Amino acid sequence: MEQLLLNIGFGNSVVAQKVVAILSPGSSPMKRVKDEAKKEKRLVDVTHGRKTRAVILTESNHILLSAIQAETVANRFASLMDEKDVKPHG
């Protein structure tokens, strides 16, 4: 199966089929999720020092932080899935 790469900003990509959820970072539960992932070394920050605007959960239980708006990342994800008529894994 062809792996589709989802652009999450600043030249960084993730295999789209491995994405479980794309969430906004502002809520208290999201802050706890980020803190836990950081403590357990499962956090990948690709914001390049900018404000976190999306939290991406992967099937490997890694948490990716992106400076791209969650809605934009979700739209990119949907476009990839529509283009290739692929169903997300999970």
Protein backbone atom coordinates (compact mmCIF):
# COMPACT_ATOMS: atom_id res chain seq x y z
CA MET A 1 0.00 0.00 0.00
CA GLU A 2 1.27 3.43 -0.93
CA GLN A 3 2.09 5.62 2.05
CA LEU A 4 0.61 9.11 1.86
CA LEU A 5 2.51 11.86 3.64
CA LEU A 6 0.58 14.55 5.50
CA ASN A 7 2.35 17.93 5.60
CA ILE A 8 2.28 19.19 9.19
CA GLY A 9 4.38 22.29 8.57
CA PHE A 10 7.95 23.49 8.09
CA GLY A 11 8.86 20.62 5.77
CA ASN A 12 7.69 17.98 8.25
CA SER A 13 5.37 15.14 7.30
CA VAL A 14 3.75 12.15 8.92
CA VAL A 15 2.34 9.01 7.30
CA ALA A 16 -1.33 9.96 6.95
CA GLN A 17 -2.60 6.42 7.57
CA LYS A 18 -0.96 6.48 11.03
CA VAL A 19 -2.87 9.58 12.20
CA VAL A 20 -5.58 8.79 14.74
CA ALA A 21 -6.75 12.33 15.58
CA ILE A 22 -6.04 15.99 14.86
CA LEU A 23 -7.01 18.18 17.82
CA SER A 24 -6.86 21.78 18.98
CA PRO A 25 -4.32 22.29 21.78
CA GLY A 26 -6.15 24.72 24.08
CA SER A 27 -8.10 22.47 26.44
CA SER A 28 -6.87 21.25 29.81
CA PRO A 29 -7.06 17.59 28.75
CA MET A 30 -4.83 18.36 25.74
CA LYS A 31 -2.32 20.07 28.00
CA ARG A 32 -2.22 16.96 30.22
CA VAL A 33 -1.80 14.72 27.15
CA LYS A 34 1.13 16.89 25.97
CA ASP A 35 2.75 16.88 29.42
CA GLU A 36 2.43 13.09 29.77
CA ALA A 37 3.84 12.51 26.28
CA LYS A 38 6.78 14.79 27.01
CA LYS A 39 7.54 12.99 30.27
CA GLU A 40 7.37 9.60 28.48
CA LYS A 41 9.44 10.85 25.51
CA ARG A 42 6.59 10.38 23.03
CA LEU A 43 6.29 14.08 22.16
CA VAL A 44 7.56 15.42 18.83
CA ASP A 45 7.53 19.22 18.56
CA VAL A 46 7.69 20.46 14.96
CA THR A 47 6.53 24.02 15.69
CA HIS A 48 10.01 25.56 15.21
CA GLY A 49 9.44 27.64 18.34
CA ARG A 50 6.07 28.94 17.23
CA LYS A 51 2.75 28.61 19.03
CA THR A 52 1.25 25.10 19.00
CA ARG A 53 -1.94 25.20 16.94
CA ALA A 54 -2.56 21.47 16.41
CA VAL A 55 -1.96 18.29 18.38
CA ILE A 56 -1.73 15.18 16.22
CA LEU A 57 -2.18 11.77 17.82
CA THR A 58 -0.66 8.78 16.01
CA GLU A 59 -1.43 5.10 16.23
CA SER A 60 2.00 4.54 17.83
CA ASN A 61 0.79 6.78 20.68
CA HIS A 62 3.20 9.58 19.75
CA ILE A 63 2.00 13.17 20.04
CA LEU A 64 3.04 15.63 17.34
CA LEU A 65 2.82 19.39 17.92
CA SER A 66 2.33 21.56 14.84
CA ALA A 67 2.23 25.33 14.34
CA ILE A 68 -0.36 24.83 11.58
CA GLN A 69 -4.03 25.31 12.58
CA ALA A 70 -5.77 22.02 13.43
CA GLU A 71 -8.46 22.77 10.84
CA THR A 72 -5.84 23.27 8.12
CA VAL A 73 -4.09 19.99 9.00
CA ALA A 74 -7.47 18.22 9.06
CA ASN A 75 -8.34 19.66 5.62
CA ARG A 76 -4.99 18.48 4.23
CA PHE A 77 -5.66 15.04 5.71
CA ALA A 78 -9.15 14.90 4.19
CA SER A 79 -7.81 15.98 0.79
CA LEU A 80 -5.17 13.25 0.85
CA MET A 81 -7.73 10.61 1.74
CA ASP A 82 -10.13 11.85 -0.95
CA GLU A 83 -7.40 11.97 -3.61
CA LYS A 84 -6.36 8.40 -3.07
CA ASP A 85 -9.75 7.12 -1.90
CA VAL A 86 -8.00 5.62 1.12
CA LYS A 87 -9.62 4.89 4.44
CA PRO A 88 -7.71 5.94 7.60
CA HIS A 89 -6.11 3.14 9.59
CA GLY A 90 -7.47 2.42 13.00
